Amino acid sequence: MAPQSSASQSDLEVYQGQFGDFVITDEDRREVVIYRAGLLVAALCFALGTGLALGVGTQSVVLSTLTILYGLGCAALGISLVTIHIYMAPLHRALQLFWAIGCVGAIAVAATSNLPLLQTIYERPTVLWATGFTFAALTGIFIKEAFCFGRLETAILAPLVPILLMGHLAGILPDTVKPGLLALWAVLFLVFALRKCLQAIPPDIGDKSVFAYLKQQQKFRASAN
């Protein structure tokens, strides 16, 4: 929910939150810009990689390029997960942990396989148990955005990503269906990232009074124990 601006103080807008007034600082705005930039880079890498995989095929140079794009996309997603504003700190940490596990898994798979990373994932679906946590973190972002802003593309992406990955892992999705779902994922991810760039910044920051309240409650419980 977007915070409501009520006044101006020392060149900073004062907003009315659920648990009191708060201000949005330049640092808050920078975090949102970085969050959105990370999503855009990740979406561009995914869209470009999908286009290469579906349009060019599995030439060695393409497979090597896909590995590079995968790495860049994961790094950009990690930056977004550092700067995203989520009220529930445990959920925020869980998404970051999922991302980290997936990245370590991808590095391990790439280091131990004699095939390029994406070819390994395609031909050996079980490696998704190691790499798929990164996409679980991405799905978490889609769920958060769908819940907070009701965007159609994220409402579709939230179930689409696990359906495609778990369907591939379980071997129940026909090979004729996977390219279409992958292309839809790439398009909607890019649409989502581009639309985020056009969105007002305060809604992505959220109600900072809620963050302050939850932090205060956490300190109170810690002192009580």
C-alpha atoms as a PDB file:
ATOM      1  CA  MET A   1       0.000   0.000   0.000  1.00  0.00           C
ATOM      2  CA  ALA A   2       1.363   3.408  -0.932  1.00  0.00           C
ATOM      3  CA  PRO A   3       2.211   5.696   1.982  1.00  0.00           C
ATOM      4  CA  GLN A   4       0.240   8.929   2.189  1.00  0.00           C
ATOM      5  CA  SER A   5       2.207  12.184   2.029  1.00  0.00           C
ATOM      6  CA  SER A   6       1.128  14.773   4.594  1.00  0.00           C
ATOM      7  CA  ALA A   7       3.767  17.520   4.718  1.00  0.00           C
ATOM      8  CA  SER A   8       7.299  18.621   3.944  1.00  0.00           C
ATOM      9  CA  GLN A   9      10.077  18.861   6.529  1.00  0.00           C
ATOM     10  CA  SER A  10      13.736  19.651   5.809  1.00  0.00           C
ATOM     11  CA  ASP A  11      13.153  18.857   2.140  1.00  0.00           C
ATOM     12  CA  LEU A  12      11.882  15.387   3.113  1.00  0.00           C
ATOM     13  CA  GLU A  13       8.253  14.423   2.684  1.00  0.00           C
ATOM     14  CA  VAL A  14       6.519  13.248   5.844  1.00  0.00           C
ATOM     15  CA  TYR A  15       4.143  10.320   5.360  1.00  0.00           C
ATOM     16  CA  GLN A  16       1.349   9.029   7.546  1.00  0.00           C
ATOM     17  CA  GLY A  17       1.859   5.388   8.400  1.00  0.00           C
ATOM     18  CA  GLN A  18      -0.139   2.815  10.314  1.00  0.00           C
ATOM     19  CA  PHE A  19       1.984   3.280  13.436  1.00  0.00           C
ATOM     20  CA  GLY A  20       2.969   6.942  13.064  1.00  0.00           C
ATOM     21  CA  ASP A  21       4.613   9.396  10.718  1.00  0.00           C
ATOM     22  CA  PHE A  22       7.818   8.651   8.828  1.00  0.00           C
ATOM     23  CA  VAL A  23      10.021  10.193   6.163  1.00  0.00           C
ATOM     24  CA  ILE A  24      11.352   8.741   2.933  1.00  0.00           C
ATOM     25  CA  THR A  25      15.041   9.515   2.534  1.00  0.00           C
ATOM     26  CA  ASP A  26      17.298   9.657  -0.494  1.00  0.00           C
ATOM     27  CA  GLU A  27      18.802   6.350   0.656  1.00  0.00           C
ATOM     28  CA  ASP A  28      15.348   4.753   0.596  1.00  0.00           C
ATOM     29  CA  ARG A  29      14.841   5.952  -2.951  1.00  0.00           C
ATOM     30  CA  ARG A  30      18.273   4.697  -4.030  1.00  0.00           C
ATOM     31  CA  GLU A  31      17.450   1.259  -2.656  1.00  0.00           C
ATOM     32  CA  VAL A  32      14.271   1.139  -4.731  1.00  0.00           C
ATOM     33  CA  VAL A  33      16.153   2.243  -7.858  1.00  0.00           C
ATOM     34  CA  ILE A  34      18.769  -0.461  -7.247  1.00  0.00           C
ATOM     35  CA  TYR A  35      16.043  -3.054  -6.603  1.00  0.00           C
ATOM     36  CA  ARG A  36      14.346  -2.210  -9.869  1.00  0.00           C
ATOM     37  CA  ALA A  37      17.619  -2.036 -11.807  1.00  0.00           C
ATOM     38  CA  GLY A  38      18.523  -5.513 -10.565  1.00  0.00           C
ATOM     39  CA  LEU A  39      15.163  -6.860 -11.679  1.00  0.00           C
ATOM     40  CA  LEU A  40      15.530  -5.225 -15.081  1.00  0.00           C
ATOM     41  CA  VAL A  41      19.008  -6.677 -15.633  1.00  0.00           C
ATOM     42  CA  ALA A  42      17.797 -10.121 -14.529  1.00  0.00           C
ATOM     43  CA  ALA A  43      14.772  -9.882 -16.840  1.00  0.00           C
ATOM     44  CA  LEU A  44      16.890  -8.758 -19.792  1.00  0.00           C
ATOM     45  CA  CYS A  45      19.352 -11.603 -19.225  1.00  0.00           C
ATOM     46  CA  PHE A  46      16.501 -14.094 -19.009  1.00  0.00           C
ATOM     47  CA  ALA A  47      14.762 -12.748 -22.103  1.00  0.00           C
ATOM     48  CA  LEU A  48      17.975 -12.691 -24.132  1.00  0.00           C
ATOM     49  CA  GLY A  49      18.910 -16.171 -22.975  1.00  0.00           C
ATOM     50  CA  THR A  50      15.458 -17.503 -23.798  1.00  0.00           C
ATOM     51  CA  GLY A  51      15.576 -15.911 -27.234  1.00  0.00           C
ATOM     52  CA  LEU A  52      18.966 -17.448 -27.947  1.00  0.00           C
ATOM     53  CA  ALA A  53      17.949 -20.885 -26.688  1.00  0.00           C
ATOM     54  CA  LEU A  54      14.687 -20.983 -28.621  1.00  0.00           C
ATOM     55  CA  GLY A  55      15.856 -19.178 -31.734  1.00  0.00           C
ATOM     56  CA  VAL A  56      19.420 -20.315 -32.298  1.00  0.00           C
ATOM     57  CA  GLY A  57      19.592 -23.679 -30.612  1.00  0.00           C
ATOM     58  CA  THR A  58      22.349 -25.456 -28.725  1.00  0.00           C
ATOM     59  CA  GLN A  59      25.489 -24.347 -30.510  1.00  0.00           C
ATOM     60  CA  SER A  60      28.523 -24.291 -28.211  1.00  0.00           C
ATOM     61  CA  VAL A  61      28.873 -20.509 -28.351  1.00  0.00           C
ATOM     62  CA  VAL A  62      25.187 -20.158 -27.473  1.00  0.00           C
ATOM     63  CA  LEU A  63      25.500 -22.505 -24.511  1.00  0.00           C
ATOM     64  CA  SER A  64      28.523 -20.590 -23.234  1.00  0.00           C
ATOM     65  CA  THR A  65      26.622 -17.325 -23.627  1.00  0.00           C
ATOM     66  CA  LEU A  66      23.683 -18.767 -21.724  1.00  0.00           C
ATOM     67  CA  THR A  67      25.961 -19.615 -18.798  1.00  0.00           C
ATOM     68  CA  ILE A  68      27.242 -16.036 -18.716  1.00  0.00           C
ATOM     69  CA  LEU A  69      23.712 -14.627 -18.893  1.00  0.00           C
ATOM     70  CA  TYR A  70      22.624 -16.997 -16.138  1.00  0.00           C
ATOM     71  CA  GLY A  71      25.434 -15.771 -13.898  1.00  0.00           C
ATOM     72  CA  LEU A  72      24.704 -12.107 -14.589  1.00  0.00           C
ATOM     73  CA  GLY A  73      20.997 -12.621 -14.021  1.00  0.00           C
ATOM     74  CA  CYS A  74      21.588 -14.397 -10.716  1.00  0.00           C
ATOM     75  CA  ALA A  75      23.932 -11.632  -9.541  1.00  0.00           C
ATOM     76  CA  ALA A  76      21.388  -8.960 -10.462  1.00  0.00           C
ATOM     77  CA  LEU A  77      18.635 -10.878  -8.674  1.00  0.00           C
ATOM     78  CA  GLY A  78      20.823 -11.099  -5.588  1.00  0.00           C
ATOM     79  CA  ILE A  79      21.236  -7.311  -5.571  1.00  0.00           C
ATOM     80  CA  SER A  80      17.468  -6.909  -5.809  1.00  0.00           C
ATOM     81  CA  LEU A  81      16.991  -9.275  -2.869  1.00  0.00           C
ATOM     82  CA  VAL A  82      19.320  -7.137  -0.762  1.00  0.00           C
ATOM     83  CA  THR A  83      17.437  -3.923  -1.482  1.00  0.00           C
ATOM     84  CA  ILE A  84      13.826  -5.174  -1.650  1.00  0.00           C
ATOM     85  CA  HIS A  85      11.505  -3.862   1.080  1.00  0.00           C
ATOM     86  CA  ILE A  86       9.604  -6.694   2.800  1.00  0.00           C
ATOM     87  CA  TYR A  87       7.879  -6.190   6.148  1.00  0.00           C
ATOM     88  CA  MET A  88       8.528  -9.726   7.404  1.00  0.00           C
ATOM     89  CA  ALA A  89      12.260  -9.993   8.060  1.00  0.00           C
ATOM     90  CA  PRO A  90      12.222 -13.837   8.264  1.00  0.00           C
ATOM     91  CA  LEU A  91      10.636 -14.005   4.801  1.00  0.00           C
ATOM     92  CA  HIS A  92      13.211 -11.552   3.457  1.00  0.00           C
ATOM     93  CA  ARG A  93      16.041 -13.658   4.875  1.00  0.00           C
ATOM     94  CA  ALA A  94      14.449 -16.852   3.539  1.00  0.00           C
ATOM     95  CA  LEU A  95      14.363 -15.474  -0.010  1.00  0.00           C
ATOM     96  CA  GLN A  96      18.004 -14.421   0.289  1.00  0.00           C
ATOM     97  CA  LEU A  97      18.902 -17.881   1.614  1.00  0.00           C
ATOM     98  CA  PHE A  98      17.079 -19.569  -1.265  1.00  0.00           C
ATOM     99  CA  TRP A  99      18.973 -17.378  -3.723  1.00  0.00           C
ATOM    100  CA  ALA A 100      22.305 -18.220  -2.091  1.00  0.00           C
ATOM    101  CA  ILE A 101      21.602 -21.971  -2.059  1.00  0.00           C
ATOM    102  CA  GLY A 102      20.627 -21.861  -5.724  1.00  0.00           C
ATOM    103  CA  CYS A 103      23.763 -19.936  -6.676  1.00  0.00           C
ATOM    104  CA  VAL A 104      26.036 -22.331  -4.772  1.00  0.00           C
ATOM    105  CA  GLY A 105      24.201 -25.226  -6.407  1.00  0.00           C
ATOM    106  CA  ALA A 106      24.662 -23.743  -9.876  1.00  0.00           C
ATOM    107  CA  ILE A 107      28.369 -23.229  -9.256  1.00  0.00           C
ATOM    108  CA  ALA A 108      28.698 -26.814  -8.023  1.00  0.00           C
ATOM    109  CA  VAL A 109      26.834 -28.200 -11.034  1.00  0.00           C
ATOM    110  CA  ALA A 110      28.892 -26.113 -13.458  1.00  0.00           C
ATOM    111  CA  ALA A 111      32.134 -27.211 -11.794  1.00  0.00           C
ATOM    112  CA  THR A 112      31.332 -30.922 -11.793  1.00  0.00           C
ATOM    113  CA  SER A 113      29.499 -31.375 -15.100  1.00  0.00           C
ATOM    114  CA  ASN A 114      31.205 -31.882 -18.429  1.00  0.00           C
ATOM    115  CA  LEU A 115      28.307 -30.054 -20.084  1.00  0.00           C
ATOM    116  CA  PRO A 116      27.419 -26.340 -20.048  1.00  0.00           C
ATOM    117  CA  LEU A 117      25.234 -25.375 -17.096  1.00  0.00           C
ATOM    118  CA  LEU A 118      21.938 -24.835 -18.909  1.00  0.00           C
ATOM    119  CA  GLN A 119      22.381 -27.981 -20.990  1.00  0.00           C
ATOM    120  CA  THR A 120      22.974 -29.917 -17.787  1.00  0.00           C
ATOM    121  CA  ILE A 121      19.799 -28.504 -16.241  1.00  0.00           C
ATOM    122  CA  TYR A 122      17.810 -29.436 -19.332  1.00  0.00           C
ATOM    123  CA  GLU A 123      19.210 -32.909 -19.801  1.00  0.00           C
ATOM    124  CA  ARG A 124      19.452 -33.765 -16.094  1.00  0.00           C
ATOM    125  CA  PRO A 125      16.367 -32.259 -14.443  1.00  0.00           C
ATOM    126  CA  THR A 126      17.330 -33.569 -11.000  1.00  0.00           C
ATOM    127  CA  VAL A 127      19.991 -30.844 -10.735  1.00  0.00           C
ATOM    128  CA  LEU A 128      17.078 -28.449 -10.180  1.00  0.00           C
ATOM    129  CA  TRP A 129      17.186 -29.664  -6.588  1.00  0.00           C
ATOM    130  CA  ALA A 130      20.457 -27.734  -6.398  1.00  0.00           C
ATOM    131  CA  THR A 131      19.825 -24.798  -8.725  1.00  0.00           C
ATOM    132  CA  GLY A 132      16.070 -24.335  -8.429  1.00  0.00           C
ATOM    133  CA  PHE A 133      16.213 -22.459  -5.109  1.00  0.00           C
ATOM    134  CA  THR A 134      17.213 -19.328  -7.007  1.00  0.00           C
ATOM    135  CA  PHE A 135      13.967 -19.510  -8.948  1.00  0.00           C
ATOM    136  CA  ALA A 136      12.083 -20.103  -5.696  1.00  0.00           C
ATOM    137  CA  ALA A 137      13.469 -16.750  -4.526  1.00  0.00           C
ATOM    138  CA  LEU A 138      12.381 -15.129  -7.793  1.00  0.00           C
ATOM    139  CA  THR A 139       8.922 -16.649  -7.376  1.00  0.00           C
ATOM    140  CA  GLY A 140       8.821 -15.121  -3.902  1.00  0.00           C
ATOM    141  CA  ILE A 141       9.347 -11.691  -5.457  1.00  0.00           C
ATOM    142  CA  PHE A 142       6.548 -12.346  -7.936  1.00  0.00           C
ATOM    143  CA  ILE A 143       4.206 -13.377  -5.109  1.00  0.00           C
ATOM    144  CA  LYS A 144       5.127 -10.292  -3.089  1.00  0.00           C
ATOM    145  CA  GLU A 145       4.532  -7.995  -6.055  1.00  0.00           C
ATOM    146  CA  ALA A 146       1.254  -9.704  -6.962  1.00  0.00           C
ATOM    147  CA  PHE A 147       0.021  -9.395  -3.384  1.00  0.00           C
ATOM    148  CA  CYS A 148       1.126  -5.776  -2.876  1.00  0.00           C
ATOM    149  CA  PHE A 149       0.274  -4.300  -6.272  1.00  0.00           C
ATOM    150  CA  GLY A 150      -2.067  -6.792  -7.941  1.00  0.00           C
ATOM    151  CA  ARG A 151      -0.103  -6.854 -11.189  1.00  0.00           C
ATOM    152  CA  LEU A 152      -1.487  -9.336 -13.707  1.00  0.00           C
ATOM    153  CA  GLU A 153       1.922 -10.405 -14.982  1.00  0.00           C
ATOM    154  CA  THR A 154       3.178 -11.346 -11.508  1.00  0.00           C
ATOM    155  CA  ALA A 155      -0.099 -13.119 -10.717  1.00  0.00           C
ATOM    156  CA  ILE A 156       0.601 -15.305 -13.760  1.00  0.00           C
ATOM    157  CA  LEU A 157       4.332 -15.683 -13.112  1.00  0.00           C
ATOM    158  CA  ALA A 158       3.860 -16.793  -9.489  1.00  0.00           C
ATOM    159  CA  PRO A 159       2.341 -20.169 -10.485  1.00  0.00           C
ATOM    160  CA  LEU A 160       3.950 -20.351 -13.942  1.00  0.00           C
ATOM    161  CA  VAL A 161       7.549 -20.597 -12.729  1.00  0.00           C
ATOM    162  CA  PRO A 162       7.046 -23.532 -10.316  1.00  0.00           C
ATOM    163  CA  ILE A 163       4.735 -25.291 -12.782  1.00  0.00           C
ATOM    164  CA  LEU A 164       7.394 -25.181 -15.499  1.00  0.00           C
ATOM    165  CA  LEU A 165      10.323 -26.101 -13.260  1.00  0.00           C
ATOM    166  CA  MET A 166       8.545 -28.791 -11.235  1.00  0.00           C
ATOM    167  CA  GLY A 167       6.949 -30.135 -14.400  1.00  0.00           C
ATOM    168  CA  HIS A 168      10.404 -30.425 -15.965  1.00  0.00           C
ATOM    169  CA  LEU A 169      11.817 -31.978 -12.807  1.00  0.00           C
ATOM    170  CA  ALA A 170       9.032 -34.547 -12.578  1.00  0.00           C
ATOM    171  CA  GLY A 171       9.100 -35.243 -16.313  1.00  0.00           C
ATOM    172  CA  ILE A 172       5.367 -34.647 -16.714  1.00  0.00           C
ATOM    173  CA  LEU A 173       5.497 -31.655 -19.071  1.00  0.00           C
ATOM    174  CA  PRO A 174       5.664 -32.506 -22.792  1.00  0.00           C
ATOM    175  CA  ASP A 175       8.702 -31.084 -24.578  1.00  0.00           C
ATOM    176  CA  THR A 176       6.314 -29.340 -26.973  1.00  0.00           C
ATOM    177  CA  VAL A 177       4.832 -27.307 -24.091  1.00  0.00           C
ATOM    178  CA  LYS A 178       8.044 -26.202 -22.368  1.00  0.00           C
ATOM    179  CA  PRO A 179       9.228 -23.682 -25.023  1.00  0.00           C
ATOM    180  CA  GLY A 180       5.909 -21.863 -24.959  1.00  0.00           C
ATOM    181  CA  LEU A 181       5.875 -21.620 -21.163  1.00  0.00           C
ATOM    182  CA  LEU A 182       9.497 -20.498 -21.138  1.00  0.00           C
ATOM    183  CA  ALA A 183       8.779 -17.785 -23.709  1.00  0.00           C
ATOM    184  CA  LEU A 184       5.744 -16.624 -21.714  1.00  0.00           C
ATOM    185  CA  TRP A 185       7.903 -16.454 -18.585  1.00  0.00           C
ATOM    186  CA  ALA A 186      10.517 -14.357 -20.388  1.00  0.00           C
ATOM    187  CA  VAL A 187       7.960 -11.934 -21.837  1.00  0.00           C
ATOM    188  CA  LEU A 188       6.022 -11.447 -18.599  1.00  0.00           C
ATOM    189  CA  PHE A 189       9.212 -11.072 -16.548  1.00  0.00           C
ATOM    190  CA  LEU A 190      10.388  -8.336 -18.900  1.00  0.00           C
ATOM    191  CA  VAL A 191       6.982  -6.628 -18.836  1.00  0.00           C
ATOM    192  CA  PHE A 192       7.034  -6.737 -15.032  1.00  0.00           C
ATOM    193  CA  ALA A 193      10.543  -5.267 -14.790  1.00  0.00           C
ATOM    194  CA  LEU A 194       9.786  -2.499 -17.285  1.00  0.00           C
ATOM    195  CA  ARG A 195       6.543  -1.565 -15.531  1.00  0.00           C
ATOM    196  CA  LYS A 196       8.389  -1.374 -12.217  1.00  0.00           C
ATOM    197  CA  CYS A 197      10.660   1.273 -13.723  1.00  0.00           C
ATOM    198  CA  LEU A 198       7.602   3.451 -14.413  1.00  0.00           C
ATOM    199  CA  GLN A 199       6.005   3.003 -10.989  1.00  0.00           C
ATOM    200  CA  ALA A 200       6.158   5.725  -8.338  1.00  0.00           C
ATOM    201  CA  ILE A 201       8.918   5.049  -5.801  1.00  0.00           C
ATOM    202  CA  PRO A 202       7.110   5.452  -2.423  1.00  0.00           C
ATOM    203  CA  PRO A 203       4.880   2.372  -2.855  1.00  0.00           C
ATOM    204  CA  ASP A 204       7.977   0.179  -3.205  1.00  0.00           C
ATOM    205  CA  ILE A 205       9.347   1.595   0.044  1.00  0.00           C
ATOM    206  CA  GLY A 206       6.152   0.822   1.866  1.00  0.00           C
ATOM    207  CA  ASP A 207       5.024   1.974   5.297  1.00  0.00           C
ATOM    208  CA  LYS A 208       8.248   2.517   7.240  1.00  0.00           C
ATOM    209  CA  SER A 209       6.282   2.838  10.475  1.00  0.00           C
ATOM    210  CA  VAL A 210       5.455  -0.858  10.127  1.00  0.00           C
ATOM    211  CA  PHE A 211       9.158  -1.710   9.822  1.00  0.00           C
ATOM    212  CA  ALA A 212       9.869   0.396  12.924  1.00  0.00           C
ATOM    213  CA  TYR A 213       7.021  -1.237  14.854  1.00  0.00           C
ATOM    214  CA  LEU A 214       8.096  -4.772  13.975  1.00  0.00           C
ATOM    215  CA  LYS A 215      11.690  -3.978  14.913  1.00  0.00           C
ATOM    216  CA  GLN A 216      10.544  -2.556  18.242  1.00  0.00           C
ATOM    217  CA  GLN A 217       8.457  -5.652  18.918  1.00  0.00           C
ATOM    218  CA  GLN A 218      11.411  -7.880  18.103  1.00  0.00           C
ATOM    219  CA  LYS A 219      13.602  -5.980  20.582  1.00  0.00           C
ATOM    220  CA  PHE A 220      10.857  -6.196  23.213  1.00  0.00           C
ATOM    221  CA  ARG A 221      10.561  -9.960  22.831  1.00  0.00           C
ATOM    222  CA  ALA A 222      14.336 -10.343  22.949  1.00  0.00           C
ATOM    223  CA  SER A 223      14.568  -8.324  26.170  1.00  0.00           C
ATOM    224  CA  ALA A 224      11.649 -10.245  27.675  1.00  0.00           C
ATOM    225  CA  ASN A 225      13.470 -13.530  27.111  1.00  0.00           C
END
